[in-house]
Amino acid sequence: MQVLQRFGLASLLLFLSACGSEAPEPAPGVTLPLEMPAVLDNFASTYDAEIWLRRQATLESPGLEAGLHDLDEAVRAEALQGFKEARILTLIERAQSNHMVIVTLLKWDSHAAALRYVDAERLAMAAKDGNQGVESAEYRDVMKDDLTGFISDKELRDMFGPYGAKSAVVARGATLVEVTILAEVVTDDALLEKARGLLGALGVPAP
């Protein structure tokens, strides 16, 4: 699991405890946006449970700050201003432990606060690029009408050989979504579509 130590927010996963809370039931005839746990449960249900291990947990401010530990204290403090709540899901293929899908949902008190964290997460990811096992890294801006953030595209290597690790870290309004896929070829557009689907399930409207 050394890859989790090289990849920003994903490295927190092993230290989290699953919350287990469930989204409230809407009144009859009323459709409400889903809460974070239910959104992630629905996302996980698209992966065969016999093939993929699943784990879901709540992220608190100390955990987010730990994920930014390579940054200066003042930068970490500014990045966490306006944080409200977050939830993380990891899916690990049973037969190939470096094949993972990691989804993080984060809510802030404003779009500006969400973008501050996007910038800090990019710096934190880049700070790990010199770590052993990171062979290359590329970052691409995402400036869409409905999404703002970046794509991180890394080539990693472990004792079994090379594999890719790609993340989309994007904000819409005060909500931020991070989708990371490891050891699987995936296009930027496919990652962004997953992010859009998660934002839609949370009831965050596109502009």
N, C-alpha and C. Protein backbone atom coordinates (compact mmCIF):
# COMPACT_ATOMS: atom_id res chain seq x y z
N MET A 1 0.82 -1.20 0.00
CA MET A 1 0.00 0.00 0.00
C MET A 1 0.86 1.26 0.00
N GLN A 2 2.13 1.17 -0.43
CA GLN A 2 2.99 2.33 -0.42
C GLN A 2 2.45 3.44 -1.29
N VAL A 3 1.66 3.10 -2.31
CA VAL A 3 1.12 4.13 -3.19
C VAL A 3 0.31 5.16 -2.42
N LEU A 4 -0.36 4.76 -1.33
CA LEU A 4 -1.17 5.69 -0.57
C LEU A 4 -0.32 6.77 0.09
N GLN A 5 0.97 6.50 0.27
CA GLN A 5 1.86 7.47 0.88
C GLN A 5 2.38 8.47 -0.14
N ARG A 6 2.10 8.24 -1.41
CA ARG A 6 2.63 9.09 -2.47
C ARG A 6 1.57 9.96 -3.10
N PHE A 7 0.34 9.90 -2.60
CA PHE A 7 -0.71 10.44 -3.44
C PHE A 7 -1.69 11.36 -2.72
N GLY A 8 -1.18 12.29 -1.91
CA GLY A 8 -2.03 13.34 -1.38
C GLY A 8 -3.13 12.82 -0.47
N LEU A 9 -4.35 13.27 -0.69
CA LEU A 9 -5.47 12.98 0.18
C LEU A 9 -5.72 11.49 0.35
N ALA A 10 -5.43 10.69 -0.64
CA ALA A 10 -5.67 9.26 -0.54
C ALA A 10 -4.87 8.62 0.58
N SER A 11 -3.76 9.22 0.97
CA SER A 11 -2.93 8.62 2.01
C SER A 11 -3.60 8.62 3.38
N LEU A 12 -4.68 9.40 3.52
CA LEU A 12 -5.38 9.43 4.80
C LEU A 12 -6.24 8.22 5.05
N LEU A 13 -6.57 7.50 4.02
CA LEU A 13 -7.62 6.49 4.08
C LEU A 13 -7.39 5.45 5.15
N LEU A 14 -6.16 4.95 5.27
CA LEU A 14 -5.88 3.87 6.20
C LEU A 14 -6.06 4.29 7.65
N PHE A 15 -6.14 5.60 7.92
CA PHE A 15 -6.22 6.08 9.30
C PHE A 15 -7.63 6.52 9.68
N LEU A 16 -8.60 6.26 8.81
CA LEU A 16 -9.95 6.74 9.06
C LEU A 16 -10.86 5.61 9.51
N SER A 17 -11.86 5.94 10.25
CA SER A 17 -12.87 4.97 10.69
C SER A 17 -14.17 5.24 9.95
N ALA A 18 -14.82 4.17 9.49
CA ALA A 18 -16.07 4.34 8.76
C ALA A 18 -17.14 4.90 9.68
N CYS A 19 -17.89 5.87 9.17
CA CYS A 19 -18.91 6.54 9.98
C CYS A 19 -20.18 5.72 10.06
N GLY A 20 -20.64 5.21 8.92
CA GLY A 20 -21.82 4.36 8.90
C GLY A 20 -23.14 5.10 8.95
N SER A 21 -23.13 6.43 8.89
CA SER A 21 -24.39 7.16 8.91
C SER A 21 -25.09 7.03 7.57
N GLU A 22 -26.40 7.16 7.59
CA GLU A 22 -27.19 6.99 6.38
C GLU A 22 -27.97 8.26 6.09
N ALA A 23 -28.28 8.47 4.82
CA ALA A 23 -29.05 9.64 4.43
C ALA A 23 -30.50 9.50 4.89
N PRO A 24 -31.15 10.60 5.30
CA PRO A 24 -32.54 10.53 5.73
C PRO A 24 -33.46 10.22 4.57
N GLU A 25 -34.60 9.60 4.89
CA GLU A 25 -35.59 9.28 3.87
C GLU A 25 -36.39 10.53 3.54
N PRO A 26 -36.60 10.84 2.25
CA PRO A 26 -37.43 12.00 1.91
C PRO A 26 -38.90 11.72 2.17
N ALA A 27 -39.68 12.78 2.30
CA ALA A 27 -41.12 12.63 2.45
C ALA A 27 -41.71 12.01 1.19
N PRO A 28 -42.85 11.32 1.31
CA PRO A 28 -43.46 10.69 0.13
C PRO A 28 -43.71 11.72 -0.97
N GLY A 29 -43.30 11.36 -2.19
CA GLY A 29 -43.53 12.22 -3.33
C GLY A 29 -42.51 13.34 -3.49
N VAL A 30 -41.53 13.42 -2.57
CA VAL A 30 -40.53 14.48 -2.62
C VAL A 30 -39.16 13.86 -2.92
N THR A 31 -38.48 14.39 -3.92
CA THR A 31 -37.14 13.94 -4.25
C THR A 31 -36.13 14.97 -3.75
N LEU A 32 -35.25 14.55 -2.86
CA LEU A 32 -34.24 15.44 -2.30
C LEU A 32 -32.85 15.02 -2.76
N PRO A 33 -31.92 15.99 -2.81
CA PRO A 33 -30.54 15.60 -3.08
C PRO A 33 -30.06 14.61 -2.02
N LEU A 34 -29.23 13.68 -2.41
CA LEU A 34 -28.72 12.68 -1.48
C LEU A 34 -27.63 13.27 -0.61
N GLU A 35 -27.50 12.76 0.60
CA GLU A 35 -26.38 13.11 1.46
C GLU A 35 -25.14 12.38 0.99
N MET A 36 -23.98 12.83 1.48
CA MET A 36 -22.72 12.26 1.03
C MET A 36 -22.63 10.74 1.16
N PRO A 37 -22.98 10.15 2.32
CA PRO A 37 -22.85 8.69 2.43
C PRO A 37 -23.68 7.94 1.39
N ALA A 38 -24.89 8.43 1.12
CA ALA A 38 -25.74 7.76 0.15
C ALA A 38 -25.21 7.92 -1.27
N VAL A 39 -24.67 9.10 -1.58
CA VAL A 39 -24.07 9.31 -2.90
C VAL A 39 -22.91 8.35 -3.12
N LEU A 40 -22.07 8.20 -2.11
CA LEU A 40 -20.93 7.30 -2.24
C LEU A 40 -21.36 5.84 -2.26
N ASP A 41 -22.40 5.50 -1.51
CA ASP A 41 -22.92 4.13 -1.57
C ASP A 41 -23.41 3.81 -2.98
N ASN A 42 -24.13 4.74 -3.58
CA ASN A 42 -24.62 4.52 -4.94
C ASN A 42 -23.47 4.39 -5.93
N PHE A 43 -22.45 5.22 -5.77
CA PHE A 43 -21.27 5.12 -6.64
C PHE A 43 -20.61 3.76 -6.46
N ALA A 44 -20.44 3.32 -5.23
CA ALA A 44 -19.78 2.04 -4.96
C ALA A 44 -20.58 0.87 -5.52
N SER A 45 -21.90 1.01 -5.58
CA SER A 45 -22.74 -0.09 -6.03
C SER A 45 -22.53 -0.41 -7.51
N THR A 46 -21.88 0.48 -8.25
CA THR A 46 -21.60 0.21 -9.66
C THR A 46 -20.36 -0.67 -9.83
N TYR A 47 -19.69 -1.00 -8.72
CA TYR A 47 -18.53 -1.89 -8.73
C TYR A 47 -18.91 -3.18 -8.01
N ASP A 48 -18.63 -4.32 -8.64
CA ASP A 48 -18.98 -5.63 -8.12
C ASP A 48 -18.31 -5.87 -6.76
N ALA A 49 -19.12 -6.08 -5.72
CA ALA A 49 -18.58 -6.26 -4.37
C ALA A 49 -17.75 -7.53 -4.23
N GLU A 50 -17.95 -8.50 -5.12
CA GLU A 50 -17.14 -9.70 -5.06
C GLU A 50 -15.73 -9.45 -5.62
N ILE A 51 -15.58 -8.38 -6.36
CA ILE A 51 -14.29 -8.05 -6.97
C ILE A 51 -13.59 -6.91 -6.22
N TRP A 52 -14.39 -6.00 -5.67
CA TRP A 52 -13.84 -4.79 -5.06
C TRP A 52 -14.15 -4.73 -3.57
N LEU A 53 -13.12 -4.45 -2.77
CA LEU A 53 -13.31 -4.09 -1.37
C LEU A 53 -13.77 -2.64 -1.29
N ARG A 54 -14.64 -2.34 -0.31
CA ARG A 54 -15.17 -0.99 -0.19
C ARG A 54 -14.97 -0.49 1.23
N ARG A 55 -14.66 0.80 1.33
CA ARG A 55 -14.61 1.42 2.65
C ARG A 55 -14.97 2.89 2.51
N GLN A 56 -15.78 3.37 3.45
CA GLN A 56 -16.23 4.75 3.43
C GLN A 56 -16.01 5.36 4.81
N ALA A 57 -15.61 6.61 4.87
CA ALA A 57 -15.31 7.24 6.15
C ALA A 57 -15.53 8.74 6.06
N THR A 58 -15.66 9.37 7.23
CA THR A 58 -15.76 10.81 7.35
C THR A 58 -14.37 11.41 7.49
N LEU A 59 -14.15 12.55 6.86
CA LEU A 59 -12.90 13.30 7.01
C LEU A 59 -13.18 14.55 7.84
N GLU A 60 -12.37 14.75 8.86
CA GLU A 60 -12.45 15.96 9.68
C GLU A 60 -11.27 16.87 9.34
N SER A 61 -11.31 18.08 9.89
CA SER A 61 -10.26 19.07 9.61
C SER A 61 -8.85 18.55 9.91
N PRO A 62 -8.61 17.87 11.04
CA PRO A 62 -7.24 17.39 11.30
C PRO A 62 -6.75 16.42 10.24
N GLY A 63 -7.65 15.59 9.73
CA GLY A 63 -7.26 14.66 8.68
C GLY A 63 -6.91 15.37 7.39
N LEU A 64 -7.71 16.40 7.03
CA LEU A 64 -7.40 17.18 5.83
C LEU A 64 -6.07 17.90 5.98
N GLU A 65 -5.83 18.45 7.15
CA GLU A 65 -4.57 19.17 7.37
C GLU A 65 -3.39 18.21 7.29
N ALA A 66 -3.55 16.98 7.80
CA ALA A 66 -2.48 15.99 7.71
C ALA A 66 -2.13 15.69 6.26
N GLY A 67 -3.14 15.70 5.39
CA GLY A 67 -2.90 15.45 3.98
C GLY A 67 -2.13 16.57 3.30
N LEU A 68 -2.08 17.74 3.95
CA LEU A 68 -1.35 18.89 3.41
C LEU A 68 -0.05 19.14 4.17
N HIS A 69 0.46 18.10 4.84
CA HIS A 69 1.57 18.30 5.78
C HIS A 69 2.85 18.80 5.11
N ASP A 70 2.98 18.64 3.79
CA ASP A 70 4.17 19.12 3.10
C ASP A 70 4.15 20.64 2.90
N LEU A 71 3.03 21.27 3.17
CA LEU A 71 2.90 22.71 2.95
C LEU A 71 3.16 23.48 4.23
N ASP A 72 3.46 24.76 4.10
CA ASP A 72 3.67 25.61 5.26
C ASP A 72 2.41 25.69 6.11
N GLU A 73 2.60 25.91 7.40
CA GLU A 73 1.48 25.96 8.33
C GLU A 73 0.46 27.02 7.92
N ALA A 74 0.95 28.18 7.49
CA ALA A 74 0.03 29.25 7.10
C ALA A 74 -0.80 28.87 5.88
N VAL A 75 -0.19 28.16 4.94
CA VAL A 75 -0.90 27.72 3.74
C VAL A 75 -1.96 26.68 4.13
N ARG A 76 -1.61 25.77 5.03
CA ARG A 76 -2.58 24.77 5.48
C ARG A 76 -3.77 25.43 6.16
N ALA A 77 -3.49 26.39 7.03
CA ALA A 77 -4.56 27.06 7.76
C ALA A 77 -5.50 27.79 6.81
N GLU A 78 -4.94 28.49 5.84
CA GLU A 78 -5.76 29.22 4.88
C GLU A 78 -6.60 28.26 4.04
N ALA A 79 -6.00 27.11 3.67
CA ALA A 79 -6.72 26.14 2.84
C ALA A 79 -7.92 25.55 3.55
N LEU A 80 -7.89 25.49 4.86
CA LEU A 80 -8.98 24.87 5.62
C LEU A 80 -10.04 25.86 6.07
N GLN A 81 -9.83 27.13 5.81
CA GLN A 81 -10.85 28.12 6.18
C GLN A 81 -12.13 27.86 5.39
N GLY A 82 -13.24 27.81 6.10
CA GLY A 82 -14.52 27.59 5.44
C GLY A 82 -14.90 26.14 5.25
N PHE A 83 -14.07 25.21 5.75
CA PHE A 83 -14.40 23.78 5.60
C PHE A 83 -15.62 23.43 6.43
N LYS A 84 -16.54 22.62 5.85
CA LYS A 84 -17.76 22.21 6.54
C LYS A 84 -17.82 20.71 6.78
N GLU A 85 -17.66 19.91 5.74
CA GLU A 85 -17.74 18.45 5.91
C GLU A 85 -17.11 17.76 4.72
N ALA A 86 -16.74 16.50 4.93
CA ALA A 86 -16.15 15.71 3.85
C ALA A 86 -16.35 14.23 4.11
N ARG A 87 -16.35 13.49 3.04
CA ARG A 87 -16.55 12.04 3.09
C ARG A 87 -15.67 11.41 2.02
N ILE A 88 -15.06 10.26 2.33
CA ILE A 88 -14.16 9.59 1.39
C ILE A 88 -14.57 8.13 1.22
N LEU A 89 -14.47 7.66 0.00
CA LEU A 89 -14.76 6.27 -0.36
C LEU A 89 -13.54 5.70 -1.06
N THR A 90 -13.15 4.49 -0.70
CA THR A 90 -12.11 3.80 -1.46
C THR A 90 -12.61 2.45 -1.91
N LEU A 91 -12.27 2.10 -3.12
CA LEU A 91 -12.55 0.80 -3.71
C LEU A 91 -11.20 0.20 -4.11
N ILE A 92 -10.93 -1.02 -3.65
CA ILE A 92 -9.67 -1.69 -3.94
C ILE A 92 -9.97 -3.05 -4.55
N GLU A 93 -9.42 -3.30 -5.72
CA GLU A 93 -9.63 -4.60 -6.35
C GLU A 93 -8.96 -5.69 -5.52
N ARG A 94 -9.70 -6.73 -5.20
CA ARG A 94 -9.20 -7.79 -4.34
C ARG A 94 -7.98 -8.49 -4.94
N ALA A 95 -7.98 -8.66 -6.26
CA ALA A 95 -6.91 -9.43 -6.91
C ALA A 95 -5.72 -8.56 -7.29
N GLN A 96 -5.83 -7.22 -7.17
CA GLN A 96 -4.76 -6.32 -7.58
C GLN A 96 -4.82 -5.10 -6.68
N SER A 97 -4.07 -5.11 -5.59
CA SER A 97 -4.26 -4.13 -4.53
C SER A 97 -3.88 -2.71 -4.92
N ASN A 98 -3.11 -2.53 -6.00
CA ASN A 98 -2.82 -1.15 -6.41
C ASN A 98 -3.85 -0.62 -7.41
N HIS A 99 -4.86 -1.44 -7.76
CA HIS A 99 -5.96 -0.98 -8.61
C HIS A 99 -7.04 -0.42 -7.69
N MET A 100 -7.13 0.90 -7.65
CA MET A 100 -8.03 1.56 -6.71
C MET A 100 -8.84 2.65 -7.40
N VAL A 101 -9.98 2.93 -6.80
CA VAL A 101 -10.79 4.10 -7.14
C VAL A 101 -11.07 4.80 -5.81
N ILE A 102 -10.70 6.06 -5.71
CA ILE A 102 -10.87 6.82 -4.47
C ILE A 102 -11.66 8.08 -4.78
N VAL A 103 -12.75 8.27 -4.06
CA VAL A 103 -13.62 9.43 -4.28
C VAL A 103 -13.74 10.20 -2.97
N THR A 104 -13.52 11.50 -3.04
CA THR A 104 -13.68 12.36 -1.87
C THR A 104 -14.65 13.48 -2.22
N LEU A 105 -15.62 13.69 -1.34
CA LEU A 105 -16.59 14.78 -1.46
C LEU A 105 -16.34 15.76 -0.32
N LEU A 106 -16.21 17.04 -0.63
CA LEU A 106 -15.94 18.05 0.37
C LEU A 106 -16.85 19.25 0.17
N LYS A 107 -17.38 19.78 1.28
CA LYS A 107 -18.22 20.97 1.22
C LYS A 107 -17.58 22.10 2.01
N TRP A 108 -17.68 23.32 1.43
CA TRP A 108 -17.10 24.52 2.01
C TRP A 108 -18.19 25.57 2.17
N ASP A 109 -17.84 26.69 2.78
CA ASP A 109 -18.87 27.71 2.98
C ASP A 109 -18.97 28.68 1.81
N SER A 110 -18.10 28.52 0.79
CA SER A 110 -18.15 29.39 -0.38
C SER A 110 -17.35 28.78 -1.51
N HIS A 111 -17.59 29.27 -2.72
CA HIS A 111 -16.81 28.83 -3.87
C HIS A 111 -15.34 29.23 -3.71
N ALA A 112 -15.10 30.42 -3.18
CA ALA A 112 -13.72 30.87 -2.99
C ALA A 112 -12.96 29.96 -2.04
N ALA A 113 -13.63 29.50 -0.98
CA ALA A 113 -12.98 28.60 -0.03
C ALA A 113 -12.66 27.26 -0.69
N ALA A 114 -13.58 26.76 -1.50
CA ALA A 114 -13.33 25.50 -2.20
C ALA A 114 -12.13 25.63 -3.13
N LEU A 115 -12.03 26.76 -3.82
CA LEU A 115 -10.91 26.96 -4.75
C LEU A 115 -9.58 27.10 -4.01
N ARG A 116 -9.60 27.66 -2.81
CA ARG A 116 -8.36 27.73 -2.03
C ARG A 116 -7.86 26.32 -1.72
N TYR A 117 -8.78 25.43 -1.40
CA TYR A 117 -8.36 24.06 -1.11
C TYR A 117 -7.89 23.35 -2.38
N VAL A 118 -8.53 23.61 -3.50
CA VAL A 118 -8.07 23.04 -4.78
C VAL A 118 -6.61 23.42 -5.00
N ASP A 119 -6.29 24.70 -4.80
CA ASP A 119 -4.91 25.15 -5.01
C ASP A 119 -3.95 24.47 -4.05
N ALA A 120 -4.36 24.34 -2.78
CA ALA A 120 -3.49 23.70 -1.79
C ALA A 120 -3.29 22.22 -2.10
N GLU A 121 -4.34 21.56 -2.54
CA GLU A 121 -4.23 20.14 -2.87
C GLU A 121 -3.28 19.92 -4.04
N ARG A 122 -3.30 20.84 -4.99
CA ARG A 122 -2.38 20.74 -6.12
C ARG A 122 -0.93 20.89 -5.64
N LEU A 123 -0.68 21.84 -4.76
CA LEU A 123 0.65 22.02 -4.21
C LEU A 123 1.09 20.79 -3.42
N ALA A 124 0.17 20.22 -2.64
CA ALA A 124 0.51 19.05 -1.83
C ALA A 124 0.82 17.84 -2.70
N MET A 125 0.06 17.66 -3.78
CA MET A 125 0.35 16.56 -4.70
C MET A 125 1.72 16.75 -5.36
N ALA A 126 1.99 17.99 -5.80
CA ALA A 126 3.26 18.26 -6.47
C ALA A 126 4.44 18.07 -5.53
N ALA A 127 4.24 18.34 -4.24
CA ALA A 127 5.32 18.17 -3.27
C ALA A 127 5.75 16.72 -3.14
N LYS A 128 4.87 15.78 -3.52
CA LYS A 128 5.19 14.36 -3.42
C LYS A 128 5.83 13.81 -4.69
N ASP A 129 5.99 14.65 -5.71
CA ASP A 129 6.49 14.16 -6.99
C ASP A 129 7.93 13.68 -6.92
N GLY A 130 8.68 14.13 -5.93
CA GLY A 130 10.05 13.66 -5.78
C GLY A 130 10.20 12.40 -4.97
N ASN A 131 9.09 11.87 -4.47
CA ASN A 131 9.15 10.65 -3.66
C ASN A 131 9.57 9.45 -4.48
N GLN A 132 10.16 8.49 -3.81
CA GLN A 132 10.53 7.24 -4.48
C GLN A 132 9.29 6.57 -5.05
N GLY A 133 9.39 6.12 -6.27
CA GLY A 133 8.27 5.44 -6.91
C GLY A 133 7.45 6.33 -7.83
N VAL A 134 7.67 7.65 -7.76
CA VAL A 134 6.97 8.57 -8.67
C VAL A 134 7.91 8.86 -9.85
N GLU A 135 7.57 8.31 -11.01
CA GLU A 135 8.46 8.42 -12.17
C GLU A 135 8.19 9.66 -13.02
N SER A 136 6.95 10.11 -13.06
CA SER A 136 6.62 11.32 -13.80
C SER A 136 5.30 11.87 -13.28
N ALA A 137 5.11 13.17 -13.51
CA ALA A 137 3.86 13.81 -13.07
C ALA A 137 3.55 14.98 -13.98
N GLU A 138 2.28 15.11 -14.31
CA GLU A 138 1.81 16.22 -15.15
C GLU A 138 0.51 16.75 -14.57
N TYR A 139 0.34 18.07 -14.63
CA TYR A 139 -0.86 18.70 -14.11
C TYR A 139 -1.50 19.54 -15.22
N ARG A 140 -2.81 19.38 -15.36
CA ARG A 140 -3.54 20.11 -16.40
C ARG A 140 -4.70 20.86 -15.76
N ASP A 141 -4.83 22.13 -16.10
CA ASP A 141 -5.93 22.94 -15.56
C ASP A 141 -7.26 22.47 -16.11
N VAL A 142 -8.28 22.54 -15.29
CA VAL A 142 -9.66 22.32 -15.70
C VAL A 142 -10.39 23.65 -15.51
N MET A 143 -10.79 24.25 -16.60
CA MET A 143 -11.51 25.53 -16.56
C MET A 143 -12.75 25.39 -17.44
N LYS A 144 -13.75 24.71 -16.92
CA LYS A 144 -15.00 24.49 -17.64
C LYS A 144 -16.07 25.43 -17.08
N ASP A 145 -17.18 25.52 -17.80
CA ASP A 145 -18.29 26.34 -17.30
C ASP A 145 -18.81 25.81 -15.98
N ASP A 146 -18.76 24.48 -15.79
CA ASP A 146 -19.34 23.86 -14.60
C ASP A 146 -18.32 23.28 -13.64
N LEU A 147 -17.03 23.32 -13.96
CA LEU A 147 -15.99 22.73 -13.12
C LEU A 147 -14.73 23.59 -13.17
N THR A 148 -14.11 23.76 -12.01
CA THR A 148 -12.83 24.47 -11.94
C THR A 148 -11.88 23.67 -11.07
N GLY A 149 -10.67 23.43 -11.58
CA GLY A 149 -9.71 22.67 -10.80
C GLY A 149 -8.56 22.20 -11.67
N PHE A 150 -8.18 20.93 -11.50
CA PHE A 150 -7.05 20.41 -12.26
C PHE A 150 -7.12 18.89 -12.35
N ILE A 151 -6.36 18.38 -13.30
CA ILE A 151 -6.11 16.94 -13.45
C ILE A 151 -4.66 16.68 -13.06
N SER A 152 -4.44 15.69 -12.22
CA SER A 152 -3.09 15.21 -11.89
C SER A 152 -2.90 13.87 -12.58
N ASP A 153 -1.82 13.73 -13.34
CA ASP A 153 -1.57 12.52 -14.12
C ASP A 153 -0.15 12.04 -13.82
N LYS A 154 -0.04 10.94 -13.06
CA LYS A 154 1.26 10.47 -12.60
C LYS A 154 1.53 9.06 -13.10
N GLU A 155 2.81 8.77 -13.27
CA GLU A 155 3.27 7.42 -13.55
C GLU A 155 4.06 6.96 -12.33
N LEU A 156 3.58 5.87 -11.72
CA LEU A 156 4.20 5.33 -10.51
C LEU A 156 4.84 3.98 -10.82
N ARG A 157 5.70 3.55 -9.94
CA ARG A 157 6.31 2.23 -10.07
C ARG A 157 6.47 1.62 -8.68
N ASP A 158 6.09 0.34 -8.58
CA ASP A 158 6.37 -0.41 -7.35
C ASP A 158 7.10 -1.69 -7.73
N MET A 159 7.21 -2.62 -6.81
CA MET A 159 7.99 -3.83 -7.05
C MET A 159 7.41 -4.68 -8.17
N PHE A 160 6.16 -4.43 -8.53
CA PHE A 160 5.52 -5.22 -9.58
C PHE A 160 5.60 -4.54 -10.95
N GLY A 161 6.04 -3.28 -10.98
CA GLY A 161 6.16 -2.58 -12.25
C GLY A 161 5.45 -1.25 -12.25
N PRO A 162 5.38 -0.58 -13.41
CA PRO A 162 4.78 0.75 -13.50
C PRO A 162 3.25 0.70 -13.60
N TYR A 163 2.63 1.77 -13.17
CA TYR A 163 1.18 1.92 -13.33
C TYR A 163 0.83 3.40 -13.20
N GLY A 164 -0.32 3.76 -13.73
CA GLY A 164 -0.73 5.15 -13.71
C GLY A 164 -1.59 5.50 -12.51
N ALA A 165 -1.61 6.78 -12.19
CA ALA A 165 -2.46 7.30 -11.13
C ALA A 165 -2.96 8.67 -11.58
N LYS A 166 -4.25 8.76 -11.81
CA LYS A 166 -4.82 10.01 -12.34
C LYS A 166 -5.93 10.50 -11.41
N SER A 167 -5.92 11.80 -11.14
CA SER A 167 -6.94 12.43 -10.29
C SER A 167 -7.56 13.62 -10.99
N ALA A 168 -8.85 13.80 -10.75
CA ALA A 168 -9.54 15.05 -11.06
C ALA A 168 -9.91 15.70 -9.73
N VAL A 169 -9.47 16.92 -9.52
CA VAL A 169 -9.80 17.69 -8.32
C VAL A 169 -10.51 18.94 -8.80
N VAL A 170 -11.83 18.98 -8.62
CA VAL A 170 -12.63 20.05 -9.23
C VAL A 170 -13.69 20.56 -8.27
N ALA A 171 -14.01 21.83 -8.41
CA ALA A 171 -15.04 22.46 -7.58
C ALA A 171 -16.16 22.98 -8.47
N ARG A 172 -17.37 22.92 -7.92
CA ARG A 172 -18.54 23.58 -8.49
C ARG A 172 -19.24 24.26 -7.34
N GLY A 173 -19.31 25.57 -7.37
CA GLY A 173 -19.86 26.27 -6.22
C GLY A 173 -19.01 26.00 -4.99
N ALA A 174 -19.67 25.68 -3.88
CA ALA A 174 -18.96 25.42 -2.62
C ALA A 174 -18.65 23.95 -2.40
N THR A 175 -18.84 23.13 -3.42
CA THR A 175 -18.60 21.69 -3.31
C THR A 175 -17.41 21.29 -4.15
N LEU A 176 -16.57 20.44 -3.58
CA LEU A 176 -15.38 19.97 -4.26
C LEU A 176 -15.44 18.45 -4.36
N VAL A 177 -15.04 17.93 -5.50
CA VAL A 177 -14.98 16.48 -5.73
C VAL A 177 -13.58 16.11 -6.18
N GLU A 178 -13.05 15.05 -5.58
CA GLU A 178 -11.77 14.50 -6.02
C GLU A 178 -11.98 13.03 -6.38
N VAL A 179 -11.67 12.69 -7.62
CA VAL A 179 -11.78 11.31 -8.10
C VAL A 179 -10.40 10.85 -8.54
N THR A 180 -9.90 9.80 -7.93
CA THR A 180 -8.58 9.25 -8.24
C THR A 180 -8.73 7.81 -8.70
N ILE A 181 -8.09 7.46 -9.80
CA ILE A 181 -8.10 6.09 -10.29
C ILE A 181 -6.65 5.66 -10.51
N LEU A 182 -6.29 4.52 -9.94
CA LEU A 182 -4.93 4.00 -10.02
C LEU A 182 -4.93 2.67 -10.75
N ALA A 183 -3.86 2.47 -11.52
CA ALA A 183 -3.63 1.21 -12.24
C ALA A 183 -4.76 0.88 -13.21
N GLU A 184 -5.30 1.92 -13.84
CA GLU A 184 -6.33 1.74 -14.87
C GLU A 184 -6.23 2.91 -15.84
N VAL A 185 -6.28 2.62 -17.11
CA VAL A 185 -6.24 3.68 -18.11
C VAL A 185 -7.59 4.39 -18.13
N VAL A 186 -7.57 5.70 -17.93
CA VAL A 186 -8.80 6.47 -17.91
C VAL A 186 -8.52 7.84 -18.53
N THR A 187 -9.46 8.34 -19.31
CA THR A 187 -9.28 9.63 -19.95
C THR A 187 -9.66 10.76 -18.99
N ASP A 188 -9.18 11.96 -19.29
CA ASP A 188 -9.57 13.13 -18.51
C ASP A 188 -11.09 13.31 -18.54
N ASP A 189 -11.67 13.17 -19.72
CA ASP A 189 -13.12 13.37 -19.86
C ASP A 189 -13.90 12.37 -19.01
N ALA A 190 -13.43 11.12 -18.96
CA ALA A 190 -14.13 10.11 -18.16
C ALA A 190 -14.07 10.46 -16.68
N LEU A 191 -12.93 10.94 -16.21
CA LEU A 191 -12.82 11.36 -14.81
C LEU A 191 -13.76 12.52 -14.52
N LEU A 192 -13.79 13.49 -15.42
CA LEU A 192 -14.65 14.65 -15.20
C LEU A 192 -16.12 14.28 -15.24
N GLU A 193 -16.49 13.32 -16.06
CA GLU A 193 -17.88 12.87 -16.08
C GLU A 193 -18.26 12.20 -14.76
N LYS A 194 -17.33 11.45 -14.16
CA LYS A 194 -17.60 10.87 -12.84
C LYS A 194 -17.82 11.99 -11.82
N ALA A 195 -16.99 13.03 -11.88
CA ALA A 195 -17.15 14.15 -10.96
C ALA A 195 -18.50 14.84 -11.17
N ARG A 196 -18.89 15.02 -12.42
CA ARG A 196 -20.18 15.66 -12.70
C ARG A 196 -21.33 14.81 -12.16
N GLY A 197 -21.24 13.51 -12.32
CA GLY A 197 -22.28 12.63 -11.82
C GLY A 197 -22.43 12.73 -10.30
N LEU A 198 -21.30 12.79 -9.61
CA LEU A 198 -21.33 12.91 -8.15
C LEU A 198 -21.91 14.25 -7.72
N LEU A 199 -21.53 15.32 -8.39
CA LEU A 199 -22.08 16.64 -8.06
C LEU A 199 -23.58 16.68 -8.32
N GLY A 200 -24.00 16.07 -9.43
CA GLY A 200 -25.43 16.02 -9.72
C GLY A 200 -26.20 15.27 -8.66
N ALA A 201 -25.63 14.15 -8.18
CA ALA A 201 -26.30 13.35 -7.14
C ALA A 201 -26.39 14.12 -5.83
N LEU A 202 -25.43 15.00 -5.57
CA LEU A 202 -25.47 15.83 -4.37
C LEU A 202 -26.40 17.02 -4.51
N GLY A 203 -26.95 17.21 -5.70
CA GLY A 203 -27.87 18.31 -5.93
C GLY A 203 -27.19 19.64 -6.15
N VAL A 204 -25.92 19.59 -6.63
CA VAL A 204 -25.19 20.84 -6.92
C VAL A 204 -25.43 21.17 -8.39
N PRO A 205 -26.22 22.19 -8.68
CA PRO A 205 -26.60 22.47 -10.07
C PRO A 205 -25.44 23.02 -10.89
N ALA A 206 -25.42 22.68 -12.17
CA ALA A 206 -24.47 23.28 -13.09
C ALA A 206 -24.89 24.71 -13.38
N PRO A 207 -23.95 25.60 -13.66
CA PRO A 207 -24.32 26.99 -13.97
C PRO A 207 -25.22 27.07 -15.20
